[in-house]
Amino acid sequence: MGKLLYLENGHITSRLWYAWYDGSYQAIDVSGKTKAAALASLPTPTPNFVQQVARSKEEAIAFVKDMQAEALLASPL
């Protein structure tokens, strides 16, 4: 899967989001965090999540919904 970057005024506007489903879709911005810090920012117990590159929380959730990942994210491993 390729990474899409959008440039506005010469700045990269995409951010890395962790998105999960727990009755409704949630997403948090983990750009600039280490992997350990990003995982620590997820709720406890850690849900199944998807890493998504997007410009905003709403866009990240829309991409995850387009993947129709609800069943995968809602099921335990």
PDB file of N, CA and C in Angstrom:
ATOM      1  N   MET A   1       0.847  -1.169   0.000  1.00  0.00           N
ATOM      2  CA  MET A   1       0.000   0.000   0.000  1.00  0.00           C
ATOM      3  C   MET A   1       0.887   1.226   0.000  1.00  0.00           C
ATOM      4  N   GLY A   2       0.644   2.137  -0.921  1.00  0.00           N
ATOM      5  CA  GLY A   2       1.440   3.337  -1.024  1.00  0.00           C
ATOM      6  C   GLY A   2       0.991   4.405  -0.052  1.00  0.00           C
ATOM      7  N   LYS A   3       1.855   5.334   0.191  1.00  0.00           N
ATOM      8  CA  LYS A   3       1.555   6.423   1.094  1.00  0.00           C
ATOM      9  C   LYS A   3       1.281   7.674   0.256  1.00  0.00           C
ATOM     10  N   LEU A   4       0.152   8.315   0.493  1.00  0.00           N
ATOM     11  CA  LEU A   4      -0.194   9.523  -0.236  1.00  0.00           C
ATOM     12  C   LEU A   4       0.145  10.739   0.591  1.00  0.00           C
ATOM     13  N   LEU A   5       0.838  11.677  -0.010  1.00  0.00           N
ATOM     14  CA  LEU A   5       1.155  12.920   0.665  1.00  0.00           C
ATOM     15  C   LEU A   5       0.506  14.065  -0.095  1.00  0.00           C
ATOM     16  N   TYR A   6      -0.132  14.946   0.618  1.00  0.00           N
ATOM     17  CA  TYR A   6      -0.741  16.115   0.012  1.00  0.00           C
ATOM     18  C   TYR A   6       0.098  17.322   0.398  1.00  0.00           C
ATOM     19  N   LEU A   7       0.422  18.138  -0.570  1.00  0.00           N
ATOM     20  CA  LEU A   7       1.220  19.317  -0.299  1.00  0.00           C
ATOM     21  C   LEU A   7       0.343  20.558  -0.404  1.00  0.00           C
ATOM     22  N   GLU A   8       0.391  21.364   0.620  1.00  0.00           N
ATOM     23  CA  GLU A   8      -0.295  22.641   0.618  1.00  0.00           C
ATOM     24  C   GLU A   8       0.713  23.672   1.080  1.00  0.00           C
ATOM     25  N   ASN A   9       0.984  24.643   0.260  1.00  0.00           N
ATOM     26  CA  ASN A   9       1.950  25.688   0.583  1.00  0.00           C
ATOM     27  C   ASN A   9       3.332  25.110   0.891  1.00  0.00           C
ATOM     28  N   GLY A  10       3.681  24.009   0.239  1.00  0.00           N
ATOM     29  CA  GLY A  10       4.987  23.414   0.415  1.00  0.00           C
ATOM     30  C   GLY A  10       5.161  22.604   1.685  1.00  0.00           C
ATOM     31  N   HIS A  11       4.107  22.410   2.467  1.00  0.00           N
ATOM     32  CA  HIS A  11       4.189  21.638   3.697  1.00  0.00           C
ATOM     33  C   HIS A  11       3.431  20.325   3.548  1.00  0.00           C
ATOM     34  N   ILE A  12       3.968  19.280   4.113  1.00  0.00           N
ATOM     35  CA  ILE A  12       3.271  17.994   4.111  1.00  0.00           C
ATOM     36  C   ILE A  12       2.129  18.097   5.112  1.00  0.00           C
ATOM     37  N   THR A  13       0.922  17.818   4.652  1.00  0.00           N
ATOM     38  CA  THR A  13      -0.237  17.965   5.526  1.00  0.00           C
ATOM     39  C   THR A  13      -0.785  16.641   6.023  1.00  0.00           C
ATOM     40  N   SER A  14      -0.244  15.533   5.539  1.00  0.00           N
ATOM     41  CA  SER A  14      -0.729  14.228   5.988  1.00  0.00           C
ATOM     42  C   SER A  14      -0.133  13.886   7.348  1.00  0.00           C
ATOM     43  N   ARG A  15      -0.903  13.168   8.122  1.00  0.00           N
ATOM     44  CA  ARG A  15      -0.481  12.730   9.445  1.00  0.00           C
ATOM     45  C   ARG A  15      -0.792  11.243   9.570  1.00  0.00           C
ATOM     46  N   LEU A  16      -0.141  10.594  10.531  1.00  0.00           N
ATOM     47  CA  LEU A  16      -0.395   9.184  10.792  1.00  0.00           C
ATOM     48  C   LEU A  16      -1.438   9.080  11.894  1.00  0.00           C
ATOM     49  N   TRP A  17      -2.475   8.291  11.638  1.00  0.00           N
ATOM     50  CA  TRP A  17      -3.574   8.101  12.580  1.00  0.00           C
ATOM     51  C   TRP A  17      -3.697   6.631  12.912  1.00  0.00           C
ATOM     52  N   TYR A  18      -4.064   6.322  14.160  1.00  0.00           N
ATOM     53  CA  TYR A  18      -4.477   4.985  14.544  1.00  0.00           C
ATOM     54  C   TYR A  18      -5.994   5.046  14.662  1.00  0.00           C
ATOM     55  N   ALA A  19      -6.678   4.191  13.915  1.00  0.00           N
ATOM     56  CA  ALA A  19      -8.144   4.167  13.927  1.00  0.00           C
ATOM     57  C   ALA A  19      -8.621   2.803  14.408  1.00  0.00           C
ATOM     58  N   TRP A  20      -9.684   2.803  15.205  1.00  0.00           N
ATOM     59  CA  TRP A  20     -10.262   1.556  15.704  1.00  0.00           C
ATOM     60  C   TRP A  20     -11.764   1.706  15.808  1.00  0.00           C
ATOM     61  N   TYR A  21     -12.421   0.565  16.031  1.00  0.00           N
ATOM     62  CA  TYR A  21     -13.883   0.535  16.116  1.00  0.00           C
ATOM     63  C   TYR A  21     -14.283  -0.067  17.451  1.00  0.00           C
ATOM     64  N   ASP A  22     -15.065   0.667  18.235  1.00  0.00           N
ATOM     65  CA  ASP A  22     -15.584   0.152  19.505  1.00  0.00           C
ATOM     66  C   ASP A  22     -17.039   0.569  19.673  1.00  0.00           C
ATOM     67  N   GLY A  23     -17.829   0.258  18.674  1.00  0.00           N
ATOM     68  CA  GLY A  23     -19.221   0.706  18.632  1.00  0.00           C
ATOM     69  C   GLY A  23     -19.357   1.929  17.742  1.00  0.00           C
ATOM     70  N   SER A  24     -18.324   2.724  17.694  1.00  0.00           N
ATOM     71  CA  SER A  24     -18.210   3.834  16.743  1.00  0.00           C
ATOM     72  C   SER A  24     -16.729   3.956  16.402  1.00  0.00           C
ATOM     73  N   TYR A  25     -16.440   4.577  15.283  1.00  0.00           N
ATOM     74  CA  TYR A  25     -15.049   4.710  14.870  1.00  0.00           C
ATOM     75  C   TYR A  25     -14.371   5.811  15.670  1.00  0.00           C
ATOM     76  N   GLN A  26     -13.146   5.545  16.096  1.00  0.00           N
ATOM     77  CA  GLN A  26     -12.314   6.493  16.825  1.00  0.00           C
ATOM     78  C   GLN A  26     -10.979   6.571  16.111  1.00  0.00           C
ATOM     79  N   ALA A  27     -10.294   7.701  16.230  1.00  0.00           N
ATOM     80  CA  ALA A  27      -8.964   7.840  15.650  1.00  0.00           C
ATOM     81  C   ALA A  27      -8.164   8.833  16.481  1.00  0.00           C
ATOM     82  N   ILE A  28      -6.867   8.562  16.610  1.00  0.00           N
ATOM     83  CA  ILE A  28      -5.983   9.502  17.289  1.00  0.00           C
ATOM     84  C   ILE A  28      -4.775   9.762  16.407  1.00  0.00           C
ATOM     85  N   ASP A  29      -4.258  10.962  16.486  1.00  0.00           N
ATOM     86  CA  ASP A  29      -3.088  11.386  15.728  1.00  0.00           C
ATOM     87  C   ASP A  29      -1.838  10.914  16.462  1.00  0.00           C
ATOM     88  N   VAL A  30      -1.020  10.115  15.796  1.00  0.00           N
ATOM     89  CA  VAL A  30       0.211   9.620  16.406  1.00  0.00           C
ATOM     90  C   VAL A  30       1.444  10.105  15.651  1.00  0.00           C
ATOM     91  N   SER A  31       1.285  11.123  14.837  1.00  0.00           N
ATOM     92  CA  SER A  31       2.411  11.671  14.080  1.00  0.00           C
ATOM     93  C   SER A  31       3.487  12.185  15.030  1.00  0.00           C
ATOM     94  N   GLY A  32       4.713  11.838  14.754  1.00  0.00           N
ATOM     95  CA  GLY A  32       5.829  12.321  15.551  1.00  0.00           C
ATOM     96  C   GLY A  32       6.058  11.554  16.841  1.00  0.00           C
ATOM     97  N   LYS A  33       5.211  10.587  17.164  1.00  0.00           N
ATOM     98  CA  LYS A  33       5.389   9.792  18.375  1.00  0.00           C
ATOM     99  C   LYS A  33       6.174   8.533  18.039  1.00  0.00           C
ATOM    100  N   THR A  34       6.902   8.027  19.019  1.00  0.00           N
ATOM    101  CA  THR A  34       7.546   6.731  18.825  1.00  0.00           C
ATOM    102  C   THR A  34       6.454   5.671  18.806  1.00  0.00           C
ATOM    103  N   LYS A  35       6.795   4.501  18.308  1.00  0.00           N
ATOM    104  CA  LYS A  35       5.799   3.440  18.245  1.00  0.00           C
ATOM    105  C   LYS A  35       5.303   3.079  19.643  1.00  0.00           C
ATOM    106  N   ALA A  36       6.204   3.030  20.624  1.00  0.00           N
ATOM    107  CA  ALA A  36       5.810   2.704  21.994  1.00  0.00           C
ATOM    108  C   ALA A  36       4.869   3.766  22.556  1.00  0.00           C
ATOM    109  N   ALA A  37       5.163   5.045  22.307  1.00  0.00           N
ATOM    110  CA  ALA A  37       4.312   6.129  22.797  1.00  0.00           C
ATOM    111  C   ALA A  37       2.961   6.111  22.101  1.00  0.00           C
ATOM    112  N   ALA A  38       2.965   5.803  20.801  1.00  0.00           N
ATOM    113  CA  ALA A  38       1.708   5.743  20.048  1.00  0.00           C
ATOM    114  C   ALA A  38       0.825   4.610  20.573  1.00  0.00           C
ATOM    115  N   LEU A  39       1.409   3.450  20.818  1.00  0.00           N
ATOM    116  CA  LEU A  39       0.639   2.323  21.347  1.00  0.00           C
ATOM    117  C   LEU A  39       0.134   2.613  22.760  1.00  0.00           C
ATOM    118  N   ALA A  40       0.922   3.338  23.544  1.00  0.00           N
ATOM    119  CA  ALA A  40       0.509   3.678  24.902  1.00  0.00           C
ATOM    120  C   ALA A  40      -0.660   4.660  24.909  1.00  0.00           C
ATOM    121  N   SER A  41      -0.842   5.405  23.817  1.00  0.00           N
ATOM    122  CA  SER A  41      -1.939   6.373  23.763  1.00  0.00           C
ATOM    123  C   SER A  41      -3.271   5.729  23.380  1.00  0.00           C
ATOM    124  N   LEU A  42      -3.252   4.444  22.992  1.00  0.00           N
ATOM    125  CA  LEU A  42      -4.491   3.723  22.703  1.00  0.00           C
ATOM    126  C   LEU A  42      -5.196   3.366  24.007  1.00  0.00           C
ATOM    127  N   PRO A  43      -6.516   3.182  23.968  1.00  0.00           N
ATOM    128  CA  PRO A  43      -7.237   2.817  25.199  1.00  0.00           C
ATOM    129  C   PRO A  43      -6.849   1.421  25.677  1.00  0.00           C
ATOM    130  N   THR A  44      -7.112   1.161  26.951  1.00  0.00           N
ATOM    131  CA  THR A  44      -6.838  -0.149  27.543  1.00  0.00           C
ATOM    132  C   THR A  44      -8.149  -0.886  27.733  1.00  0.00           C
ATOM    133  N   PRO A  45      -8.295  -2.129  27.358  1.00  0.00           N
ATOM    134  CA  PRO A  45      -7.330  -2.966  26.651  1.00  0.00           C
ATOM    135  C   PRO A  45      -7.157  -2.470  25.212  1.00  0.00           C
ATOM    136  N   THR A  46      -5.973  -2.711  24.677  1.00  0.00           N
ATOM    137  CA  THR A  46      -5.643  -2.215  23.339  1.00  0.00           C
ATOM    138  C   THR A  46      -6.543  -2.862  22.298  1.00  0.00           C
ATOM    139  N   PRO A  47      -7.274  -2.044  21.540  1.00  0.00           N
ATOM    140  CA  PRO A  47      -8.165  -2.591  20.513  1.00  0.00           C
ATOM    141  C   PRO A  47      -7.401  -2.948  19.238  1.00  0.00           C
ATOM    142  N   ASN A  48      -8.033  -3.712  18.361  1.00  0.00           N
ATOM    143  CA  ASN A  48      -7.498  -3.885  17.012  1.00  0.00           C
ATOM    144  C   ASN A  48      -7.544  -2.511  16.366  1.00  0.00           C
ATOM    145  N   PHE A  49      -6.491  -2.127  15.665  1.00  0.00           N
ATOM    146  CA  PHE A  49      -6.466  -0.802  15.061  1.00  0.00           C
ATOM    147  C   PHE A  49      -5.821  -0.853  13.688  1.00  0.00           C
ATOM    148  N   VAL A  50      -6.027   0.198  12.921  1.00  0.00           N
ATOM    149  CA  VAL A  50      -5.465   0.343  11.586  1.00  0.00           C
ATOM    150  C   VAL A  50      -4.626   1.605  11.574  1.00  0.00           C
ATOM    151  N   GLN A  51      -3.424   1.527  11.009  1.00  0.00           N
ATOM    152  CA  GLN A  51      -2.621   2.729  10.795  1.00  0.00           C
ATOM    153  C   GLN A  51      -3.074   3.338   9.482  1.00  0.00           C
ATOM    154  N   GLN A  52      -3.395   4.610   9.501  1.00  0.00           N
ATOM    155  CA  GLN A  52      -3.903   5.267   8.302  1.00  0.00           C
ATOM    156  C   GLN A  52      -3.255   6.636   8.148  1.00  0.00           C
ATOM    157  N   VAL A  53      -2.822   6.944   6.949  1.00  0.00           N
ATOM    158  CA  VAL A  53      -2.286   8.270   6.645  1.00  0.00           C
ATOM    159  C   VAL A  53      -3.427   9.111   6.095  1.00  0.00           C
ATOM    160  N   ALA A  54      -3.646  10.268   6.719  1.00  0.00           N
ATOM    161  CA  ALA A  54      -4.731  11.153   6.291  1.00  0.00           C
ATOM    162  C   ALA A  54      -4.441  12.565   6.794  1.00  0.00           C
ATOM    163  N   ARG A  55      -5.204  13.521   6.289  1.00  0.00           N
ATOM    164  CA  ARG A  55      -5.020  14.910   6.696  1.00  0.00           C
ATOM    165  C   ARG A  55      -5.776  15.255   7.970  1.00  0.00           C
ATOM    166  N   SER A  56      -6.870  14.558   8.243  1.00  0.00           N
ATOM    167  CA  SER A  56      -7.676  14.884   9.417  1.00  0.00           C
ATOM    168  C   SER A  56      -8.261  13.602   9.999  1.00  0.00           C
ATOM    169  N   LYS A  57      -8.793  13.722  11.207  1.00  0.00           N
ATOM    170  CA  LYS A  57      -9.416  12.581  11.872  1.00  0.00           C
ATOM    171  C   LYS A  57     -10.585  12.062  11.050  1.00  0.00           C
ATOM    172  N   GLU A  58     -11.403  12.972  10.531  1.00  0.00           N
ATOM    173  CA  GLU A  58     -12.569  12.579   9.743  1.00  0.00           C
ATOM    174  C   GLU A  58     -12.160  11.847   8.470  1.00  0.00           C
ATOM    175  N   GLU A  59     -11.081  12.314   7.831  1.00  0.00           N
ATOM    176  CA  GLU A  59     -10.603  11.660   6.617  1.00  0.00           C
ATOM    177  C   GLU A  59     -10.049  10.268   6.928  1.00  0.00           C
ATOM    178  N   ALA A  60      -9.330  10.131   8.039  1.00  0.00           N
ATOM    179  CA  ALA A  60      -8.796   8.822   8.431  1.00  0.00           C
ATOM    180  C   ALA A  60      -9.925   7.832   8.685  1.00  0.00           C
ATOM    181  N   ILE A  61     -10.960   8.279   9.390  1.00  0.00           N
ATOM    182  CA  ILE A  61     -12.104   7.409   9.664  1.00  0.00           C
ATOM    183  C   ILE A  61     -12.823   7.050   8.370  1.00  0.00           C
ATOM    184  N   ALA A  62     -12.957   7.992   7.452  1.00  0.00           N
ATOM    185  CA  ALA A  62     -13.610   7.719   6.167  1.00  0.00           C
ATOM    186  C   ALA A  62     -12.832   6.671   5.378  1.00  0.00           C
ATOM    187  N   PHE A  63     -11.487   6.754   5.373  1.00  0.00           N
ATOM    188  CA  PHE A  63     -10.677   5.758   4.670  1.00  0.00           C
ATOM    189  C   PHE A  63     -10.869   4.375   5.280  1.00  0.00           C
ATOM    190  N   VAL A  64     -10.902   4.301   6.606  1.00  0.00           N
ATOM    191  CA  VAL A  64     -11.069   3.007   7.274  1.00  0.00           C
ATOM    192  C   VAL A  64     -12.464   2.452   6.993  1.00  0.00           C
ATOM    193  N   LYS A  65     -13.485   3.312   6.989  1.00  0.00           N
ATOM    194  CA  LYS A  65     -14.837   2.858   6.659  1.00  0.00           C
ATOM    195  C   LYS A  65     -14.896   2.342   5.226  1.00  0.00           C
ATOM    196  N   ASP A  66     -14.172   2.993   4.314  1.00  0.00           N
ATOM    197  CA  ASP A  66     -14.138   2.551   2.920  1.00  0.00           C
ATOM    198  C   ASP A  66     -13.513   1.165   2.789  1.00  0.00           C
ATOM    199  N   MET A  67     -12.600   0.823   3.700  1.00  0.00           N
ATOM    200  CA  MET A  67     -11.994  -0.514   3.681  1.00  0.00           C
ATOM    201  C   MET A  67     -12.950  -1.554   4.231  1.00  0.00           C
ATOM    202  N   GLN A  68     -14.067  -1.103   4.796  1.00  0.00           N
ATOM    203  CA  GLN A  68     -15.064  -1.984   5.401  1.00  0.00           C
ATOM    204  C   GLN A  68     -14.391  -2.904   6.418  1.00  0.00           C
ATOM    205  N   ALA A  69     -13.627  -2.306   7.309  1.00  0.00           N
ATOM    206  CA  ALA A  69     -12.852  -3.060   8.289  1.00  0.00           C
ATOM    207  C   ALA A  69     -13.577  -3.231   9.616  1.00  0.00           C
ATOM    208  N   GLU A  70     -14.851  -2.864   9.693  1.00  0.00           N
ATOM    209  CA  GLU A  70     -15.583  -2.908  10.954  1.00  0.00           C
ATOM    210  C   GLU A  70     -15.562  -4.293  11.597  1.00  0.00           C
ATOM    211  N   ALA A  71     -15.825  -5.339  10.824  1.00  0.00           N
ATOM    212  CA  ALA A  71     -15.849  -6.691  11.376  1.00  0.00           C
ATOM    213  C   ALA A  71     -14.486  -7.111  11.896  1.00  0.00           C
ATOM    214  N   LEU A  72     -13.429  -6.769  11.157  1.00  0.00           N
ATOM    215  CA  LEU A  72     -12.082  -7.115  11.580  1.00  0.00           C
ATOM    216  C   LEU A  72     -11.689  -6.348  12.840  1.00  0.00           C
ATOM    217  N   LEU A  73     -11.992  -5.059  12.881  1.00  0.00           N
ATOM    218  CA  LEU A  73     -11.604  -4.246  14.029  1.00  0.00           C
ATOM    219  C   LEU A  73     -12.408  -4.589  15.280  1.00  0.00           C
ATOM    220  N   ALA A  74     -13.638  -5.024  15.120  1.00  0.00           N
ATOM    221  CA  ALA A  74     -14.490  -5.309  16.270  1.00  0.00           C
ATOM    222  C   ALA A  74     -14.239  -6.691  16.865  1.00  0.00           C
ATOM    223  N   SER A  75     -13.589  -7.577  16.122  1.00  0.00           N
ATOM    224  CA  SER A  75     -13.375  -8.948  16.615  1.00  0.00           C
ATOM    225  C   SER A  75     -12.050  -9.032  17.390  1.00  0.00           C
ATOM    226  N   PRO A  76     -12.030  -9.828  18.461  1.00  0.00           N
ATOM    227  CA  PRO A  76     -10.768 -10.011  19.191  1.00  0.00           C
ATOM    228  C   PRO A  76      -9.808 -10.879  18.383  1.00  0.00           C
ATOM    229  N   LEU A  77      -8.547 -10.710  18.654  1.00  0.00           N
ATOM    230  CA  LEU A  77      -7.535 -11.510  17.946  1.00  0.00           C
ATOM    231  C   LEU A  77      -7.495 -12.927  18.435  1.00  0.00           C
TER     232      LEU A  77
END
